[in-house]
N, C-alpha and C. Protein backbone atom coordinates (compact mmCIF):
# COMPACT_ATOMS: atom_id res chain seq x y z
N MET A 1 -64.39 10.12 142.53
CA MET A 1 -64.49 10.18 141.09
C MET A 1 -63.67 9.02 140.52
N ASP A 2 -64.22 8.35 139.52
CA ASP A 2 -63.50 7.21 138.97
C ASP A 2 -62.43 7.65 137.97
N ILE A 3 -61.59 6.73 137.63
CA ILE A 3 -60.44 7.01 136.76
C ILE A 3 -60.90 7.47 135.38
N LYS A 4 -61.97 6.88 134.87
CA LYS A 4 -62.46 7.23 133.54
C LYS A 4 -62.83 8.72 133.48
N LYS A 5 -63.53 9.21 134.49
CA LYS A 5 -63.92 10.62 134.51
C LYS A 5 -62.70 11.52 134.66
N GLN A 6 -61.75 11.11 135.50
CA GLN A 6 -60.54 11.91 135.69
C GLN A 6 -59.75 12.00 134.39
N LEU A 7 -59.59 10.87 133.72
CA LEU A 7 -58.85 10.84 132.46
C LEU A 7 -59.54 11.70 131.41
N THR A 8 -60.85 11.59 131.33
CA THR A 8 -61.61 12.39 130.37
C THR A 8 -61.42 13.88 130.63
N ARG A 9 -61.51 14.29 131.88
CA ARG A 9 -61.33 15.71 132.22
C ARG A 9 -59.93 16.20 131.87
N LYS A 10 -58.92 15.39 132.19
CA LYS A 10 -57.53 15.78 131.89
C LYS A 10 -57.32 15.90 130.38
N LEU A 11 -57.89 14.96 129.61
CA LEU A 11 -57.76 15.03 128.17
C LEU A 11 -58.45 16.27 127.60
N ILE A 12 -59.60 16.61 128.14
CA ILE A 12 -60.31 17.80 127.69
C ILE A 12 -59.48 19.05 127.98
N GLN A 13 -58.90 19.12 129.17
CA GLN A 13 -58.07 20.27 129.54
C GLN A 13 -56.85 20.37 128.63
N ALA A 14 -56.23 19.24 128.34
CA ALA A 14 -54.99 19.24 127.56
C ALA A 14 -55.23 19.52 126.09
N THR A 15 -56.42 19.20 125.59
CA THR A 15 -56.66 19.28 124.15
C THR A 15 -57.69 20.32 123.76
N SER A 16 -58.06 21.18 124.66
CA SER A 16 -59.16 22.11 124.39
C SER A 16 -58.92 23.01 123.17
N ASP A 17 -57.67 23.35 122.87
CA ASP A 17 -57.41 24.22 121.73
C ASP A 17 -56.73 23.49 120.57
N LYS A 18 -56.66 22.19 120.63
CA LYS A 18 -56.00 21.41 119.60
C LYS A 18 -57.01 20.45 118.97
N VAL A 19 -57.47 20.77 117.77
CA VAL A 19 -58.55 20.04 117.13
C VAL A 19 -58.20 18.57 116.90
N GLU A 20 -57.02 18.29 116.37
CA GLU A 20 -56.65 16.90 116.07
C GLU A 20 -56.56 16.06 117.35
N LEU A 21 -55.97 16.62 118.40
CA LEU A 21 -55.89 15.89 119.65
C LEU A 21 -57.28 15.70 120.26
N ASN A 22 -58.15 16.67 120.06
CA ASN A 22 -59.51 16.57 120.54
C ASN A 22 -60.22 15.39 119.88
N LYS A 23 -60.04 15.24 118.57
CA LYS A 23 -60.64 14.12 117.85
C LYS A 23 -60.09 12.80 118.37
N GLN A 24 -58.78 12.75 118.61
CA GLN A 24 -58.16 11.53 119.11
C GLN A 24 -58.69 11.19 120.50
N ALA A 25 -58.86 12.20 121.34
CA ALA A 25 -59.38 11.98 122.69
C ALA A 25 -60.80 11.42 122.63
N LEU A 26 -61.61 11.91 121.71
CA LEU A 26 -62.96 11.39 121.56
C LEU A 26 -62.96 9.93 121.12
N LYS A 27 -62.01 9.57 120.25
CA LYS A 27 -61.89 8.18 119.82
C LYS A 27 -61.50 7.29 121.00
N TRP A 28 -60.56 7.77 121.82
CA TRP A 28 -60.13 7.00 123.00
C TRP A 28 -61.29 6.83 123.97
N LYS A 29 -62.06 7.91 124.16
CA LYS A 29 -63.19 7.85 125.08
C LYS A 29 -64.21 6.81 124.59
N LYS A 30 -64.48 6.82 123.30
CA LYS A 30 -65.43 5.85 122.74
C LYS A 30 -64.89 4.43 122.93
N SER A 31 -63.61 4.24 122.71
CA SER A 31 -63.00 2.92 122.88
C SER A 31 -63.09 2.45 124.33
N MET A 32 -62.87 3.37 125.27
CA MET A 32 -62.95 3.02 126.69
C MET A 32 -64.37 2.65 127.07
N GLU A 33 -65.36 3.37 126.52
CA GLU A 33 -66.75 3.06 126.82
C GLU A 33 -67.13 1.69 126.27
N GLU A 34 -66.67 1.37 125.06
CA GLU A 34 -66.96 0.07 124.46
C GLU A 34 -66.30 -1.05 125.27
N ALA A 35 -65.08 -0.83 125.72
CA ALA A 35 -64.38 -1.83 126.53
C ALA A 35 -65.10 -2.04 127.86
N ALA A 36 -65.54 -0.96 128.49
CA ALA A 36 -66.25 -1.06 129.75
C ALA A 36 -67.55 -1.82 129.57
N LYS A 37 -68.24 -1.56 128.48
CA LYS A 37 -69.49 -2.25 128.20
C LYS A 37 -69.24 -3.74 127.98
N ALA A 38 -68.16 -4.07 127.26
CA ALA A 38 -67.84 -5.47 127.00
C ALA A 38 -67.45 -6.21 128.27
N LEU A 39 -66.87 -5.49 129.23
CA LEU A 39 -66.46 -6.10 130.49
C LEU A 39 -67.58 -6.10 131.52
N GLY A 40 -68.73 -5.56 131.16
CA GLY A 40 -69.86 -5.56 132.06
C GLY A 40 -69.96 -4.30 132.90
N GLY A 41 -69.15 -3.31 132.61
CA GLY A 41 -69.18 -2.07 133.37
C GLY A 41 -70.16 -1.05 132.82
N GLY A 42 -70.89 -1.42 131.78
CA GLY A 42 -71.80 -0.49 131.14
C GLY A 42 -73.19 -0.48 131.75
N LYS A 43 -73.34 -1.09 132.91
CA LYS A 43 -74.65 -1.14 133.55
C LYS A 43 -75.00 0.23 134.10
N LYS A 44 -76.25 0.62 133.95
CA LYS A 44 -76.69 1.91 134.47
C LYS A 44 -77.01 1.80 135.95
N LYS A 45 -76.69 2.86 136.67
CA LYS A 45 -76.98 2.91 138.08
C LYS A 45 -78.44 3.25 138.31
N PRO A 46 -79.11 2.63 139.27
CA PRO A 46 -80.49 3.00 139.54
C PRO A 46 -80.55 4.41 140.13
N SER A 47 -81.52 5.17 139.71
CA SER A 47 -81.60 6.55 140.20
C SER A 47 -82.55 6.69 141.36
C-alpha cells in the first residue's frame, strides 16, 4: 500500500467524529492529488 492511501486511512480514523478536522483532511487529500497530478503521478493504471 502506498503512503498516500495509508495517510488517507489514518486521517479518516483520526477525524471520523470531528467535522472540522474531516473538512481539513479532505482539503489535504485534494491538495495531495493535485500535487501528484502535477508531478506526473496522476496516470491511471491499465486494468
